Amino acid sequence: MKMTSVLICLTLGLVLVFGKGSALHLQESHTAHQATDFGVKVFKHVVQASKDRNVVFSPYGVSSVMAMLQLTTAGKTQRQIQDAMGFKINGERKGRMGGGESHEVLED
């Protein structure tokens, strides 16, 4: 009886952890990975430019600000930001994430 309860709890836990296989979740995960990659690339450039000095830097902060800028710019400036980040946000509301609006993300 105890073994059955343990197996049920373990199965439920695995479903909760790994059961997020929807297309939207996969797209959000891919976008998060792209944003992280962009932040780390910028961090590497900052570290190289700083030589032997200490650096305080937030890759997440840079990625977040640049993603917000994509939504507030247009034309050539927006395309330059999209090219630098490696993905674009089309600005359509798709729900809430982290207490704010989320936007559909399209890959290039």
C-alpha atoms as a PDB file:
ATOM      1  CA  MET A   1       0.000   0.000   0.000  1.00  0.00           C
ATOM      2  CA  LYS A   2       2.805   2.427   0.886  1.00  0.00           C
ATOM      3  CA  MET A   3       4.655   1.601  -2.333  1.00  0.00           C
ATOM      4  CA  THR A   4       1.534   2.342  -4.395  1.00  0.00           C
ATOM      5  CA  SER A   5       1.126   5.740  -2.711  1.00  0.00           C
ATOM      6  CA  VAL A   6       4.767   6.565  -3.343  1.00  0.00           C
ATOM      7  CA  LEU A   7       4.471   5.598  -7.012  1.00  0.00           C
ATOM      8  CA  ILE A   8       1.318   7.677  -7.434  1.00  0.00           C
ATOM      9  CA  CYS A   9       2.991  10.713  -5.846  1.00  0.00           C
ATOM     10  CA  LEU A  10       6.106  10.227  -7.944  1.00  0.00           C
ATOM     11  CA  THR A  11       4.065   9.906 -11.140  1.00  0.00           C
ATOM     12  CA  LEU A  12       2.025  13.002 -10.303  1.00  0.00           C
ATOM     13  CA  GLY A  13       5.214  14.945  -9.592  1.00  0.00           C
ATOM     14  CA  LEU A  14       6.766  13.924 -12.904  1.00  0.00           C
ATOM     15  CA  VAL A  15       3.605  14.888 -14.787  1.00  0.00           C
ATOM     16  CA  LEU A  16       3.585  18.305 -13.127  1.00  0.00           C
ATOM     17  CA  VAL A  17       7.259  18.925 -13.827  1.00  0.00           C
ATOM     18  CA  PHE A  18       7.514  17.543 -17.349  1.00  0.00           C
ATOM     19  CA  GLY A  19       3.892  17.821 -18.497  1.00  0.00           C
ATOM     20  CA  LYS A  20       4.271  21.307 -19.948  1.00  0.00           C
ATOM     21  CA  GLY A  21       4.694  20.111 -23.495  1.00  0.00           C
ATOM     22  CA  SER A  22       2.335  22.551 -25.177  1.00  0.00           C
ATOM     23  CA  ALA A  23       3.510  24.438 -28.249  1.00  0.00           C
ATOM     24  CA  LEU A  24       3.177  27.767 -26.412  1.00  0.00           C
ATOM     25  CA  HIS A  25       5.390  26.570 -23.560  1.00  0.00           C
ATOM     26  CA  LEU A  26       8.010  25.286 -26.003  1.00  0.00           C
ATOM     27  CA  GLN A  27       7.943  28.603 -27.854  1.00  0.00           C
ATOM     28  CA  GLU A  28       8.318  30.530 -24.582  1.00  0.00           C
ATOM     29  CA  SER A  29      11.217  28.294 -23.565  1.00  0.00           C
ATOM     30  CA  HIS A  30      12.931  28.829 -26.913  1.00  0.00           C
ATOM     31  CA  THR A  31      12.415  32.580 -26.631  1.00  0.00           C
ATOM     32  CA  ALA A  32      13.792  32.606 -23.093  1.00  0.00           C
ATOM     33  CA  HIS A  33      16.830  30.720 -24.369  1.00  0.00           C
ATOM     34  CA  GLN A  34      17.317  33.259 -27.184  1.00  0.00           C
ATOM     35  CA  ALA A  35      16.996  36.187 -24.768  1.00  0.00           C
ATOM     36  CA  THR A  36      19.505  34.566 -22.411  1.00  0.00           C
ATOM     37  CA  ASP A  37      21.940  33.974 -25.272  1.00  0.00           C
ATOM     38  CA  PHE A  38      21.683  37.633 -26.260  1.00  0.00           C
ATOM     39  CA  GLY A  39      22.287  38.797 -22.674  1.00  0.00           C
ATOM     40  CA  VAL A  40      25.321  36.535 -22.319  1.00  0.00           C
ATOM     41  CA  LYS A  41      26.777  37.759 -25.639  1.00  0.00           C
ATOM     42  CA  VAL A  42      26.474  41.363 -24.463  1.00  0.00           C
ATOM     43  CA  PHE A  43      28.020  40.384 -21.112  1.00  0.00           C
ATOM     44  CA  LYS A  44      31.027  38.844 -22.881  1.00  0.00           C
ATOM     45  CA  HIS A  45      31.574  42.060 -24.857  1.00  0.00           C
ATOM     46  CA  VAL A  46      31.328  44.171 -21.690  1.00  0.00           C
ATOM     47  CA  VAL A  47      33.820  41.940 -19.853  1.00  0.00           C
ATOM     48  CA  GLN A  48      36.284  42.081 -22.756  1.00  0.00           C
ATOM     49  CA  ALA A  49      36.024  45.860 -22.919  1.00  0.00           C
ATOM     50  CA  SER A  50      36.470  46.263 -19.161  1.00  0.00           C
ATOM     51  CA  LYS A  51      39.838  44.444 -19.155  1.00  0.00           C
ATOM     52  CA  ASP A  52      40.905  44.049 -15.493  1.00  0.00           C
ATOM     53  CA  ARG A  53      38.154  46.128 -13.874  1.00  0.00           C
ATOM     54  CA  ASN A  54      35.216  44.716 -11.929  1.00  0.00           C
ATOM     55  CA  VAL A  55      31.908  44.578 -13.787  1.00  0.00           C
ATOM     56  CA  VAL A  56      28.350  44.578 -12.479  1.00  0.00           C
ATOM     57  CA  PHE A  57      26.007  43.504 -15.247  1.00  0.00           C
ATOM     58  CA  SER A  58      22.599  41.861 -15.652  1.00  0.00           C
ATOM     59  CA  PRO A  59      22.163  39.827 -18.852  1.00  0.00           C
ATOM     60  CA  TYR A  60      18.465  39.484 -18.001  1.00  0.00           C
ATOM     61  CA  GLY A  61      18.121  43.244 -17.577  1.00  0.00           C
ATOM     62  CA  VAL A  62      19.698  43.970 -20.959  1.00  0.00           C
ATOM     63  CA  SER A  63      17.518  41.381 -22.706  1.00  0.00           C
ATOM     64  CA  SER A  64      14.377  42.703 -21.021  1.00  0.00           C
ATOM     65  CA  VAL A  65      15.061  46.319 -21.919  1.00  0.00           C
ATOM     66  CA  MET A  66      15.919  45.461 -25.521  1.00  0.00           C
ATOM     67  CA  ALA A  67      12.750  43.352 -25.848  1.00  0.00           C
ATOM     68  CA  MET A  68      10.711  46.290 -24.520  1.00  0.00           C
ATOM     69  CA  LEU A  69      12.418  48.588 -27.003  1.00  0.00           C
ATOM     70  CA  GLN A  70      11.305  46.297 -29.832  1.00  0.00           C
ATOM     71  CA  LEU A  71       7.704  47.066 -28.869  1.00  0.00           C
ATOM     72  CA  THR A  72       8.220  50.830 -28.789  1.00  0.00           C
ATOM     73  CA  THR A  73      10.275  51.321 -31.944  1.00  0.00           C
ATOM     74  CA  ALA A  74       9.516  50.989 -35.624  1.00  0.00           C
ATOM     75  CA  GLY A  75      11.215  50.866 -38.984  1.00  0.00           C
ATOM     76  CA  LYS A  76      14.981  50.638 -39.275  1.00  0.00           C
ATOM     77  CA  THR A  77      15.597  50.972 -35.526  1.00  0.00           C
ATOM     78  CA  GLN A  78      13.254  48.092 -34.744  1.00  0.00           C
ATOM     79  CA  ARG A  79      14.855  45.891 -37.409  1.00  0.00           C
ATOM     80  CA  GLN A  80      18.325  46.645 -36.011  1.00  0.00           C
ATOM     81  CA  ILE A  81      17.225  45.620 -32.514  1.00  0.00           C
ATOM     82  CA  GLN A  82      15.587  42.458 -33.874  1.00  0.00           C
ATOM     83  CA  ASP A  83      18.720  41.562 -35.827  1.00  0.00           C
ATOM     84  CA  ALA A  84      20.932  42.116 -32.785  1.00  0.00           C
ATOM     85  CA  MET A  85      18.716  39.998 -30.525  1.00  0.00           C
ATOM     86  CA  GLY A  86      18.051  37.245 -33.048  1.00  0.00           C
ATOM     87  CA  PHE A  87      14.270  37.256 -32.610  1.00  0.00           C
ATOM     88  CA  LYS A  88      11.358  39.638 -32.953  1.00  0.00           C
ATOM     89  CA  ILE A  89       8.216  40.364 -30.983  1.00  0.00           C
ATOM     90  CA  ASN A  90       5.150  41.127 -33.063  1.00  0.00           C
ATOM     91  CA  GLY A  91       3.246  42.937 -30.299  1.00  0.00           C
ATOM     92  CA  GLU A  92       0.059  40.829 -30.241  1.00  0.00           C
ATOM     93  CA  ARG A  93      -1.297  40.194 -26.770  1.00  0.00           C
ATOM     94  CA  LYS A  94      -1.315  36.498 -25.927  1.00  0.00           C
ATOM     95  CA  GLY A  95      -1.949  36.432 -22.178  1.00  0.00           C
ATOM     96  CA  ARG A  96      -0.240  37.304 -18.932  1.00  0.00           C
ATOM     97  CA  MET A  97       3.188  36.259 -17.814  1.00  0.00           C
ATOM     98  CA  GLY A  98       5.048  37.464 -14.742  1.00  0.00           C
ATOM     99  CA  GLY A  99       2.286  39.888 -13.805  1.00  0.00           C
ATOM    100  CA  GLY A 100       2.394  41.778 -17.105  1.00  0.00           C
ATOM    101  CA  GLU A 101       1.382  41.354 -20.691  1.00  0.00           C
ATOM    102  CA  SER A 102       3.173  38.783 -22.778  1.00  0.00           C
ATOM    103  CA  HIS A 103       3.639  39.104 -26.502  1.00  0.00           C
ATOM    104  CA  GLU A 104       3.827  36.526 -29.231  1.00  0.00           C
ATOM    105  CA  VAL A 105       7.409  35.967 -30.252  1.00  0.00           C
ATOM    106  CA  LEU A 106       8.437  35.062 -33.770  1.00  0.00           C
ATOM    107  CA  GLU A 107      11.795  33.631 -34.716  1.00  0.00           C
ATOM    108  CA  ASP A 108      13.922  34.876 -37.574  1.00  0.00           C
END
